[in-house]
C-alpha atoms as a PDB file:
ATOM      1  CA  UNK A   1     -27.433 -39.727  38.339  1.00  0.00           C
ATOM      2  CA  UNK A   2     -27.815 -39.952  34.639  1.00  0.00           C
ATOM      3  CA  UNK A   3     -30.162 -36.951  34.673  1.00  0.00           C
ATOM      4  CA  UNK A   4     -27.662 -34.881  36.691  1.00  0.00           C
ATOM      5  CA  UNK A   5     -24.898 -35.604  34.130  1.00  0.00           C
ATOM      6  CA  UNK A   6     -27.172 -34.614  31.281  1.00  0.00           C
ATOM      7  CA  UNK A   7     -28.081 -31.351  33.016  1.00  0.00           C
ATOM      8  CA  UNK A   8     -24.402 -30.611  33.702  1.00  0.00           C
ATOM      9  CA  UNK A   9     -23.499 -31.391  30.088  1.00  0.00           C
ATOM     10  CA  UNK A  10     -26.302 -29.140  28.809  1.00  0.00           C
ATOM     11  CA  UNK A  11     -25.247 -26.317  31.149  1.00  0.00           C
ATOM     12  CA  UNK A  12     -21.632 -26.630  29.951  1.00  0.00           C
ATOM     13  CA  UNK A  13     -22.769 -26.752  26.311  1.00  0.00           C
ATOM     14  CA  UNK A  14     -24.958 -23.690  26.866  1.00  0.00           C
ATOM     15  CA  UNK A  15     -22.001 -21.740  28.315  1.00  0.00           C
ATOM     16  CA  UNK A  16     -19.833 -22.705  25.340  1.00  0.00           C
ATOM     17  CA  UNK A  17     -22.579 -21.633  22.935  1.00  0.00           C
ATOM     18  CA  UNK A  18     -22.906 -18.274  24.710  1.00  0.00           C
ATOM     19  CA  UNK A  19     -19.155 -17.700  24.400  1.00  0.00           C
ATOM     20  CA  UNK A  20     -19.232 -18.698  20.734  1.00  0.00           C
ATOM     21  CA  UNK A  21     -22.149 -16.346  20.093  1.00  0.00           C
ATOM     22  CA  UNK A  22     -20.267 -13.427  21.704  1.00  0.00           C
ATOM     23  CA  UNK A  23     -17.229 -14.196  19.568  1.00  0.00           C
ATOM     24  CA  UNK A  24     -19.342 -14.345  16.413  1.00  0.00           C
ATOM     25  CA  UNK A  25     -21.062 -11.067  17.314  1.00  0.00           C
ATOM     26  CA  UNK A  26     -17.658  -9.381  17.706  1.00  0.00           C
ATOM     27  CA  UNK A  27     -16.488 -10.775  14.371  1.00  0.00           C
ATOM     28  CA  UNK A  28     -19.703  -9.598  12.719  1.00  0.00           C
ATOM     29  CA  UNK A  29     -19.243  -6.074  14.121  1.00  0.00           C
ATOM     30  CA  UNK A  30     -15.681  -5.965  12.754  1.00  0.00           C
ATOM     31  CA  UNK A  31     -16.824  -7.228   9.360  1.00  0.00           C
ATOM     32  CA  UNK A  32     -19.686  -4.707   9.267  1.00  0.00           C
ATOM     33  CA  UNK A  33     -17.293  -1.855  10.030  1.00  0.00           C
ATOM     34  CA  UNK A  34     -14.891  -3.034   7.316  1.00  0.00           C
ATOM     35  CA  UNK A  35     -17.730  -3.191   4.780  1.00  0.00           C
ATOM     36  CA  UNK A  36     -18.864   0.323   5.780  1.00  0.00           C
ATOM     37  CA  UNK A  37     -15.342   1.674   5.284  1.00  0.00           C
ATOM     38  CA  UNK A  38     -15.036  -0.028   1.905  1.00  0.00           C
ATOM     39  CA  UNK A  39     -18.417   1.322   0.780  1.00  0.00           C
ATOM     40  CA  UNK A  40     -17.404   4.840   1.865  1.00  0.00           C
ATOM     41  CA  UNK A  41     -14.106   4.611  -0.022  1.00  0.00           C
ATOM     42  CA  UNK A  42     -15.814   3.220  -3.125  1.00  0.00           C
ATOM     43  CA  UNK A  43     -18.286   6.119  -3.049  1.00  0.00           C
ATOM     44  CA  UNK A  44     -15.424   8.608  -2.700  1.00  0.00           C
ATOM     45  CA  UNK A  45     -13.623   6.955  -5.634  1.00  0.00           C
ATOM     46  CA  UNK A  46     -16.765   7.205  -7.781  1.00  0.00           C
ATOM     47  CA  UNK A  47     -17.195  10.871  -6.869  1.00  0.00           C
ATOM     48  CA  UNK A  48     -13.533  11.610  -7.620  1.00  0.00           C
ATOM     49  CA  UNK A  49     -13.732   9.820 -10.960  1.00  0.00           C
ATOM     50  CA  UNK A  50     -16.910  11.687 -11.892  1.00  0.00           C
ATOM     51  CA  UNK A  51     -15.249  14.966 -10.933  1.00  0.00           C
ATOM     52  CA  UNK A  52     -12.177  14.126 -13.005  1.00  0.00           C
ATOM     53  CA  UNK A  53     -14.321  13.160 -16.003  1.00  0.00           C
ATOM     54  CA  UNK A  54     -16.285  16.382 -15.610  1.00  0.00           C
ATOM     55  CA  UNK A  55     -13.052  18.382 -15.691  1.00  0.00           C
ATOM     56  CA  UNK A  56     -11.580  16.401 -18.549  1.00  0.00           C
ATOM     57  CA  UNK A  57     -14.287  17.152 -21.110  1.00  0.00           C
ATOM     58  CA  UNK A  58     -14.043  20.975 -20.981  1.00  0.00           C
ATOM     59  CA  UNK A  59     -10.239  20.781 -21.083  1.00  0.00           C
ATOM     60  CA  UNK A  60     -10.404  18.486 -24.097  1.00  0.00           C
ATOM     61  CA  UNK A  61     -12.798  20.846 -25.830  1.00  0.00           C
ATOM     62  CA  UNK A  62     -10.443  23.780 -25.237  1.00  0.00           C
ATOM     63  CA  UNK A  63      -7.507  21.833 -26.646  1.00  0.00           C
ATOM     64  CA  UNK A  64      -9.521  20.808 -29.704  1.00  0.00           C
ATOM     65  CA  UNK A  65     -10.763  24.346 -30.315  1.00  0.00           C
ATOM     66  CA  UNK A  66      -7.262  25.775 -30.025  1.00  0.00           C
ATOM     67  CA  UNK A  67      -5.899  23.105 -32.337  1.00  0.00           C
ATOM     68  CA  UNK A  68      -8.600  23.811 -34.885  1.00  0.00           C
ATOM     69  CA  UNK A  69      -7.968  27.528 -34.631  1.00  0.00           C
ATOM     70  CA  UNK A  70      -4.209  27.074 -35.179  1.00  0.00           C
ATOM     71  CA  UNK A  71      -4.827  24.810 -38.130  1.00  0.00           C
ATOM     72  CA  UNK A  72      -7.203  27.299 -39.736  1.00  0.00           C
ATOM     73  CA  UNK A  73      -4.972  30.312 -39.111  1.00  0.00           C
ATOM     74  CA  UNK A  74      -1.900  28.627 -40.596  1.00  0.00           C
ATOM     75  CA  UNK A  75      -2.657  29.751 -44.162  1.00  0.00           C
ATOM     76  CA  UNK A  76      -6.085  31.368 -44.265  1.00  0.00           C
ATOM     77  CA  UNK A  77      -7.049  34.986 -44.794  1.00  0.00           C
ATOM     78  CA  UNK A  78      -7.327  36.947 -41.467  1.00  0.00           C
ATOM     79  CA  UNK A  79     -10.990  37.954 -42.061  1.00  0.00           C
ATOM     80  CA  UNK A  80     -11.919  34.323 -42.699  1.00  0.00           C
ATOM     81  CA  UNK A  81     -10.126  33.194 -39.525  1.00  0.00           C
ATOM     82  CA  UNK A  82     -11.902  35.839 -37.459  1.00  0.00           C
ATOM     83  CA  UNK A  83     -15.298  34.748 -38.807  1.00  0.00           C
ATOM     84  CA  UNK A  84     -14.510  31.106 -37.962  1.00  0.00           C
ATOM     85  CA  UNK A  85     -13.312  31.998 -34.451  1.00  0.00           C
ATOM     86  CA  UNK A  86     -16.365  34.187 -33.766  1.00  0.00           C
ATOM     87  CA  UNK A  87     -18.775  31.549 -35.073  1.00  0.00           C
ATOM     88  CA  UNK A  88     -17.231  28.780 -32.937  1.00  0.00           C
ATOM     89  CA  UNK A  89     -17.113  31.051 -29.910  1.00  0.00           C
ATOM     90  CA  UNK A  90     -20.794  31.925 -30.372  1.00  0.00           C
ATOM     91  CA  UNK A  91     -21.767  28.236 -30.712  1.00  0.00           C
ATOM     92  CA  UNK A  92     -19.737  27.358 -27.630  1.00  0.00           C
ATOM     93  CA  UNK A  93     -21.445  30.068 -25.568  1.00  0.00           C
ATOM     94  CA  UNK A  94     -24.853  28.991 -26.839  1.00  0.00           C
ATOM     95  CA  UNK A  95     -24.167  25.376 -25.828  1.00  0.00           C
ATOM     96  CA  UNK A  96     -23.010  26.474 -22.383  1.00  0.00           C
ATOM     97  CA  UNK A  97     -26.221  28.459 -21.935  1.00  0.00           C
ATOM     98  CA  UNK A  98     -24.601  31.873 -21.596  1.00  0.00           C
ATOM     99  CA  UNK A  99     -26.181  33.332 -24.723  1.00  0.00           C
ATOM    100  CA  UNK A 100     -24.543  36.342 -26.281  1.00  0.00           C
ATOM    101  CA  UNK A 101     -24.067  38.365 -23.099  1.00  0.00           C
ATOM    102  CA  UNK A 102     -21.638  37.875 -20.231  1.00  0.00           C
ATOM    103  CA  UNK A 103     -18.561  35.722 -20.116  1.00  0.00           C
ATOM    104  CA  UNK A 104     -18.764  31.954 -20.303  1.00  0.00           C
ATOM    105  CA  UNK A 105     -16.726  29.904 -17.833  1.00  0.00           C
ATOM    106  CA  UNK A 106     -13.541  28.765 -19.477  1.00  0.00           C
ATOM    107  CA  UNK A 107     -13.763  31.502 -22.170  1.00  0.00           C
ATOM    108  CA  UNK A 108     -10.816  31.138 -24.536  1.00  0.00           C
ATOM    109  CA  UNK A 109     -10.512  34.807 -25.363  1.00  0.00           C
ATOM    110  CA  UNK A 110      -8.032  35.467 -28.145  1.00  0.00           C
ATOM    111  CA  UNK A 111      -6.330  32.147 -27.389  1.00  0.00           C
END
């Protein structure tokens, strides 16, 4: 009879282990899905931050150029101011890769 009890105990233990394994598999699936969602949201946050940084730099440059232009035009001779504006505008276009022809994106115009 001792062997029969051992077999019954092992069968019961095996059933409990199977139930525990199913529970752990379910928990692992939930955890995996949560990690996937977090990774997706982190990637979106990184992309949004990169996009915002990319937009911030050109806006900052425009503000700085306008500020510089206002400062220079406050008391300078008009011909001098025009030469400064044209020179900066030309350098800005050159840096943006538009050369001397066409209109650069974000062109300040007469400002």
